[in-house]
Protein backbone atom coordinates (compact mmCIF):
# COMPACT_ATOMS: atom_id res chain seq x y z
CA MET A 1 -49.45 -80.47 78.47
CA ALA A 2 -46.66 -77.18 77.95
CA ASP A 3 -48.39 -76.64 74.21
CA ARG A 4 -52.32 -76.42 75.26
CA GLY A 5 -50.94 -74.67 78.93
CA PRO A 6 -52.76 -75.63 82.13
CA ARG A 7 -56.42 -76.84 82.52
CA ARG A 8 -57.12 -78.73 85.31
CA VAL A 9 -56.53 -76.28 88.33
CA GLY A 10 -57.19 -76.38 91.79
CA VAL A 11 -57.95 -73.59 94.62
CA VAL A 12 -55.81 -73.03 98.27
CA GLY A 13 -57.63 -70.92 100.39
CA TYR A 14 -61.71 -70.17 100.33
CA GLY A 15 -61.67 -66.58 101.75
CA ARG A 16 -63.20 -63.95 99.57
CA LEU A 17 -60.90 -64.59 96.55
CA GLY A 18 -60.93 -67.82 96.25
CA ARG A 19 -64.65 -68.00 97.06
CA SER A 20 -65.25 -65.74 93.75
CA LEU A 21 -62.81 -68.38 91.51
CA VAL A 22 -64.23 -71.16 92.90
CA SER A 23 -67.83 -69.61 91.40
CA ARG A 24 -65.97 -69.04 88.42
CA LEU A 25 -64.63 -71.59 87.86
CA LEU A 26 -67.67 -73.94 88.61
CA ALA A 27 -69.56 -71.52 86.34
CA LEU A 28 -67.48 -70.76 83.69
CA GLY A 29 -64.55 -73.43 83.47
CA PRO A 30 -66.47 -76.38 81.10
CA GLU A 31 -67.07 -73.32 78.36
CA LEU A 32 -63.59 -71.95 78.70
CA GLY A 33 -61.94 -75.64 79.00
CA LEU A 34 -60.80 -75.80 82.26
CA GLU A 35 -61.97 -77.91 85.41
CA LEU A 36 -61.72 -77.02 89.09
CA VAL A 37 -60.35 -80.60 90.17
CA PHE A 38 -59.60 -79.44 94.76
CA VAL A 39 -60.46 -76.57 96.92
CA TRP A 40 -58.51 -76.95 100.17
CA ASN A 41 -59.10 -74.34 103.07
CA ARG A 42 -57.12 -74.12 106.34
CA ASP A 43 -60.35 -74.14 107.38
CA PRO A 44 -62.18 -76.88 105.68
CA GLY A 45 -65.31 -76.46 107.83
CA ARG A 46 -65.41 -73.07 105.71
CA MET A 47 -66.00 -74.95 102.56
CA ALA A 48 -68.89 -76.80 103.64
CA GLY A 49 -72.24 -76.18 101.85
CA SER A 50 -70.30 -74.63 99.08
CA VAL A 51 -67.81 -75.97 97.67
CA PRO A 52 -69.17 -80.35 96.51
CA PRO A 53 -67.49 -82.45 98.95
CA SER A 54 -65.94 -84.48 95.80
CA LEU A 55 -63.88 -81.28 94.73
CA GLN A 56 -62.58 -80.71 98.94
CA LEU A 57 -59.18 -81.27 99.06
CA GLN A 58 -58.43 -82.44 103.28
CA ASN A 59 -54.74 -83.17 102.88
CA LEU A 60 -52.78 -79.93 101.11
CA ALA A 61 -49.76 -82.22 100.75
CA ALA A 62 -52.25 -85.48 98.51
CA LEU A 63 -53.18 -82.78 95.89
CA GLY A 64 -50.57 -84.59 93.22
CA GLU A 65 -53.75 -87.48 93.86
CA ARG A 66 -55.72 -84.83 91.88
CA HIS A 67 -53.31 -84.34 88.83
CA PRO A 68 -53.71 -80.60 88.58
CA ASP A 69 -52.13 -78.65 86.01
CA LEU A 70 -52.40 -75.27 87.80
CA VAL A 71 -52.47 -74.64 91.41
CA VAL A 72 -53.94 -70.70 92.33
CA GLU A 73 -52.99 -69.86 95.83
CA VAL A 74 -55.02 -66.94 97.45
CA ALA A 75 -54.48 -67.60 101.34
CA HIS A 76 -52.08 -66.35 102.34
CA PRO A 77 -47.75 -66.36 102.15
CA LYS A 78 -47.38 -69.11 104.39
CA ILE A 79 -48.89 -71.33 102.46
CA ILE A 80 -45.83 -70.28 99.56
CA HIS A 81 -43.60 -70.41 101.95
CA GLU A 82 -44.51 -73.50 103.74
CA SER A 83 -45.65 -75.63 100.54
CA GLY A 84 -44.99 -73.73 97.06
CA ALA A 85 -42.01 -75.91 96.51
CA GLN A 86 -43.72 -78.86 97.29
CA ILE A 87 -47.03 -77.72 94.65
CA LEU A 88 -44.13 -77.58 91.48
CA ARG A 89 -43.74 -80.93 91.86
CA HIS A 90 -47.29 -81.47 90.17
CA ALA A 91 -48.16 -78.12 88.74
CA ASN A 92 -47.37 -75.03 88.24
CA LEU A 93 -48.48 -72.58 90.26
CA LEU A 94 -50.22 -68.95 90.32
CA VAL A 95 -48.97 -67.27 92.88
CA GLY A 96 -51.53 -64.50 94.88
CA SER A 97 -50.05 -64.17 97.71
CA PRO A 98 -46.36 -62.25 95.82
CA SER A 99 -45.30 -60.71 98.84
CA ALA A 100 -44.22 -64.00 99.71
CA LEU A 101 -41.16 -63.71 97.41
CA GLY A 102 -39.86 -60.87 99.56
CA ASP A 103 -37.91 -63.86 101.59
CA GLN A 104 -35.33 -64.55 99.63
CA THR A 105 -35.06 -68.55 100.75
CA THR A 106 -38.74 -68.60 99.78
CA GLU A 107 -37.65 -66.65 96.12
CA ARG A 108 -34.80 -69.40 95.97
CA GLN A 109 -36.53 -72.64 97.15
CA LEU A 110 -39.25 -72.01 93.91
CA LEU A 111 -36.98 -71.28 91.52
CA GLU A 112 -35.22 -74.58 92.01
CA ALA A 113 -38.36 -76.62 92.35
CA SER A 114 -39.38 -74.82 88.97
CA ASN A 115 -36.39 -75.80 87.40
CA HIS A 116 -36.01 -79.00 88.58
CA TRP A 117 -39.74 -80.39 88.09
CA ASN A 118 -40.07 -77.73 84.73
CA HIS A 119 -43.83 -75.93 85.91
CA ALA A 120 -43.45 -72.19 86.05
CA VAL A 121 -44.35 -69.90 88.61
CA PHE A 122 -46.78 -67.65 88.18
CA VAL A 123 -47.76 -64.57 89.77
CA ALA A 124 -50.81 -62.06 89.65
CA ARG A 125 -50.57 -58.63 89.12
CA GLY A 126 -53.16 -57.98 90.98
CA ALA A 127 -54.04 -54.12 91.88
CA LEU A 128 -50.45 -52.99 90.25
CA TRP A 129 -52.11 -50.67 87.02
CA GLY A 130 -49.02 -50.25 84.60
CA THR A 131 -47.34 -53.74 84.81
CA GLU A 132 -45.88 -53.78 81.10
CA ASP A 133 -44.81 -50.54 80.65
CA ILE A 134 -42.45 -51.15 84.06
CA LYS A 135 -41.38 -54.00 82.69
CA ARG A 136 -40.50 -53.13 79.60
CA LEU A 137 -38.67 -49.34 81.14
CA ASP A 138 -37.02 -52.02 83.55
CA ALA A 139 -35.40 -54.41 80.79
CA ALA A 140 -34.48 -50.62 78.87
CA GLY A 141 -32.35 -49.76 81.51
CA GLY A 142 -34.89 -46.65 81.73
CA LEU A 143 -36.02 -46.99 85.17
CA GLN A 144 -34.13 -45.25 88.46
CA SER A 145 -36.59 -45.22 90.69
CA LEU A 146 -39.76 -46.72 91.30
CA ARG A 147 -42.17 -45.89 94.21
CA VAL A 148 -45.85 -47.31 95.28
CA THR A 149 -47.91 -45.88 97.87
CA MET A 150 -51.25 -48.57 99.25
CA ALA A 151 -54.20 -46.09 101.73
CA THR A 152 -56.99 -47.79 102.67
CA HIS A 153 -58.88 -47.73 106.37
CA PRO A 154 -56.91 -48.73 109.24
CA ASP A 155 -59.29 -51.91 108.63
CA GLY A 156 -58.68 -52.37 105.76
CA PHE A 157 -55.29 -53.83 107.23
CA ARG A 158 -53.89 -57.38 108.43
CA LEU A 159 -50.36 -55.99 110.17
CA GLU A 160 -48.19 -58.43 112.78
CA GLY A 161 -44.81 -57.59 114.18
CA PRO A 162 -44.39 -54.14 115.48
CA LEU A 163 -46.71 -52.28 112.45
CA ALA A 164 -49.36 -54.08 114.26
CA GLU A 165 -48.87 -52.17 117.26
CA ALA A 166 -48.68 -48.79 114.87
CA HIS A 167 -51.56 -46.25 115.96
CA SER A 168 -53.00 -43.80 113.73
CA THR A 169 -52.17 -40.09 114.96
CA GLY A 170 -54.40 -38.85 112.40
CA CYS A 171 -56.55 -38.08 109.24
CA ARG A 172 -53.61 -40.03 107.18
CA THR A 173 -50.77 -41.63 108.89
CA VAL A 174 -48.30 -43.46 107.06
CA LEU A 175 -47.37 -46.25 108.71
CA TYR A 176 -44.65 -47.68 106.38
CA GLU A 177 -42.17 -46.36 104.60
CA GLY A 178 -38.82 -48.15 103.05
CA PRO A 179 -37.98 -51.42 100.59
CA VAL A 180 -40.97 -53.52 99.82
CA ARG A 181 -38.76 -56.33 101.60
CA GLY A 182 -38.70 -54.96 104.58
CA LEU A 183 -42.45 -54.56 104.59
CA CYS A 184 -43.74 -58.12 103.67
CA PRO A 185 -43.28 -59.98 106.83
CA PHE A 186 -45.62 -57.88 109.08
CA ALA A 187 -48.23 -56.53 106.32
CA PRO A 188 -48.14 -60.20 104.09
CA ARG A 189 -51.91 -59.31 102.86
CA ASN A 190 -51.07 -55.75 102.53
CA SER A 191 -48.05 -55.14 100.03
CA ASN A 192 -48.93 -57.68 97.50
CA THR A 193 -49.02 -54.34 95.14
CA MET A 194 -45.54 -53.54 96.18
CA ALA A 195 -44.22 -56.72 95.73
CA ALA A 196 -45.47 -57.27 92.30
CA ALA A 197 -44.09 -53.91 91.26
CA ALA A 198 -40.87 -55.28 92.91
CA LEU A 199 -40.91 -58.64 90.57
CA ALA A 200 -41.57 -56.41 87.38
CA ALA A 201 -38.65 -54.28 88.13
CA PRO A 202 -36.29 -56.94 88.98
CA SER A 203 -33.26 -53.85 88.39
CA LEU A 204 -34.42 -52.62 91.27
CA GLY A 205 -36.43 -55.46 93.53
CA PHE A 206 -37.00 -55.61 96.74
CA ASP A 207 -34.91 -54.06 98.21
CA GLY A 208 -34.33 -50.97 95.86
CA VAL A 209 -38.21 -50.47 95.16
CA ILE A 210 -40.09 -48.35 98.43
CA GLY A 211 -42.94 -49.12 99.50
CA VAL A 212 -45.19 -47.04 101.93
CA LEU A 213 -48.45 -48.26 103.78
CA VAL A 214 -50.95 -45.34 104.40
CA ALA A 215 -53.73 -45.65 107.22
CA ASP A 216 -56.10 -42.87 106.19
CA LEU A 217 -59.56 -42.86 107.43
CA SER A 218 -61.54 -41.12 105.09
CA LEU A 219 -60.95 -44.03 102.74
CA THR A 220 -63.99 -46.23 104.27
CA ASP A 221 -64.61 -48.02 100.81
CA MET A 222 -61.74 -47.53 98.49
CA HIS A 223 -58.09 -48.56 98.04
CA VAL A 224 -56.12 -46.01 96.52
CA VAL A 225 -52.73 -47.03 94.84
CA ASP A 226 -50.00 -45.36 93.57
CA VAL A 227 -47.48 -46.23 91.95
CA GLU A 228 -44.54 -43.25 90.86
CA LEU A 229 -41.51 -44.00 89.24
CA SER A 230 -38.46 -41.99 87.19
CA GLY A 231 -35.91 -42.35 85.02
CA PRO A 232 -32.22 -41.54 85.01
CA PRO A 233 -31.50 -37.59 84.07
CA GLY A 234 -31.71 -37.23 80.03
CA PRO A 235 -29.83 -34.20 78.19
CA THR A 236 -31.74 -31.61 79.54
CA GLY A 237 -31.52 -32.83 82.74
CA ARG A 238 -34.95 -34.08 83.68
CA SER A 239 -36.03 -36.93 84.24
CA PHE A 240 -38.63 -39.17 82.62
CA ALA A 241 -41.53 -39.40 85.17
CA VAL A 242 -45.05 -41.30 85.87
CA HIS A 243 -47.82 -41.08 88.05
CA THR A 244 -50.64 -43.52 87.96
CA ARG A 245 -53.27 -43.42 90.84
CA ARG A 246 -56.06 -46.22 90.68
CA GLU A 247 -58.90 -46.02 93.40
CA ASN A 248 -60.41 -49.30 93.91
CA PRO A 249 -63.50 -49.52 95.58
CA ALA A 250 -63.86 -52.04 98.74
CA GLU A 251 -66.19 -53.37 101.41
CA PRO A 252 -65.21 -51.42 104.78
CA GLY A 253 -62.93 -53.89 106.47
CA ALA A 254 -62.07 -55.82 102.95
CA VAL A 255 -57.94 -56.41 102.33
CA THR A 256 -59.09 -57.54 98.15
CA GLY A 257 -60.73 -54.75 96.35
CA SER A 258 -63.78 -55.71 94.06
CA ALA A 259 -61.32 -54.42 90.81
CA THR A 260 -58.92 -57.04 92.04
CA VAL A 261 -61.14 -59.95 92.13
CA THR A 262 -61.86 -59.11 88.18
CA ALA A 263 -57.81 -58.23 87.63
CA PHE A 264 -56.74 -62.04 89.08
CA TRP A 265 -59.16 -64.15 87.33
CA ARG A 266 -57.97 -62.31 84.01
CA SER A 267 -54.80 -63.42 85.31
CA LEU A 268 -55.89 -67.16 85.49
CA LEU A 269 -56.73 -67.28 82.53
CA ALA A 270 -53.25 -65.51 80.76
CA CYS A 271 -51.44 -67.96 82.75
CA CYS A 272 -53.65 -71.45 81.83
CA GLN A 273 -52.57 -69.75 78.19
CA LEU A 274 -48.74 -69.38 78.87
CA PRO A 275 -46.20 -72.38 78.27
CA SER A 276 -45.02 -73.97 81.39
CA ARG A 277 -41.51 -73.35 81.51
CA PRO A 278 -39.24 -72.39 84.35
CA GLY A 279 -38.91 -69.49 86.06
CA ILE A 280 -40.59 -66.49 88.08
CA HIS A 281 -43.53 -64.23 85.72
CA LEU A 282 -45.87 -61.66 86.28
CA CYS A 283 -48.77 -62.23 84.49
C-alpha cells in the first residue's frame, strides 16, 4: 500500500468543496486509479439525490468498513478535533481544515496516531502561494518573519467567539492581527491559508506567523491573500523580502474561492502519489 499510495478514497464533508471533489472522483477517478468508497456529511439529507446511496456513509465511526486508503476532510475543524486520530487508525488523512492544527492537543494527538498506525497526515496548501519556497527558506534558516493577510467581503467570513461580534467600521476593517494560533479558534474556516503558512514555516509556527483578517466591503466577488516574508539582515544591513498577492475569484458570500477548489483537487492527486509515512506533510 505504501509503495503505490492511496487509491480508495473517502470524503468527509459535502459542502461546496466536498461536492466538487465527489463529482471529480466519480467522473475522473476510474481513469486515475481512484475509487470513491464513501461520502459522509453531518447532515445526510444534503447528499440525497446527488450521492449514490451505496456511497453514503451514515456513521463516520464505521468508515473502517469501507477500507479507505485516504480520507479527505473538507467539513470543519471540529471533525479533525473529534475524529482525526480515529481516522488515522484506518487510513491516511488529507486535512482540508488545517486551522484545526492550531490546537496543540489536536496536533499532538494526530502525530501520536500517525506514528502508531503508520499513516500520514497530509495538509492541503489551499490558497497559500509559494509554499515550497517558504519551506525551503525556513529549512535553510533564512526566514525571520512571515505575515499572511486575508481580505474579503464580511459576508465571506464565518466567525465565532469575540470575532463574531466584530463590526466593520468603514470600507476596510482589520478584524484581527496577531499570531495565527490566536485566530484559528475564532475564524476556523477563514484561517486555513494562514495555518498552512504556519506549517510551512515550523521555525515560526502558529505562534510566530502573523495572521491578519480584513473585512473589505469592496471585495464582493474575490478573496485577496497577501503573503509577506523577510529574512535576517545581510552584511549590508538589508534583508531579503518577498511580497505576493493572490486574487481569487469567489461567489458572493463564499468561504472558498474558485481557484482554491482546483488547488485542493491537485493536492488530493499529489498525496495519492506519495508514500504513507508518519508525520504531517503539506501537499
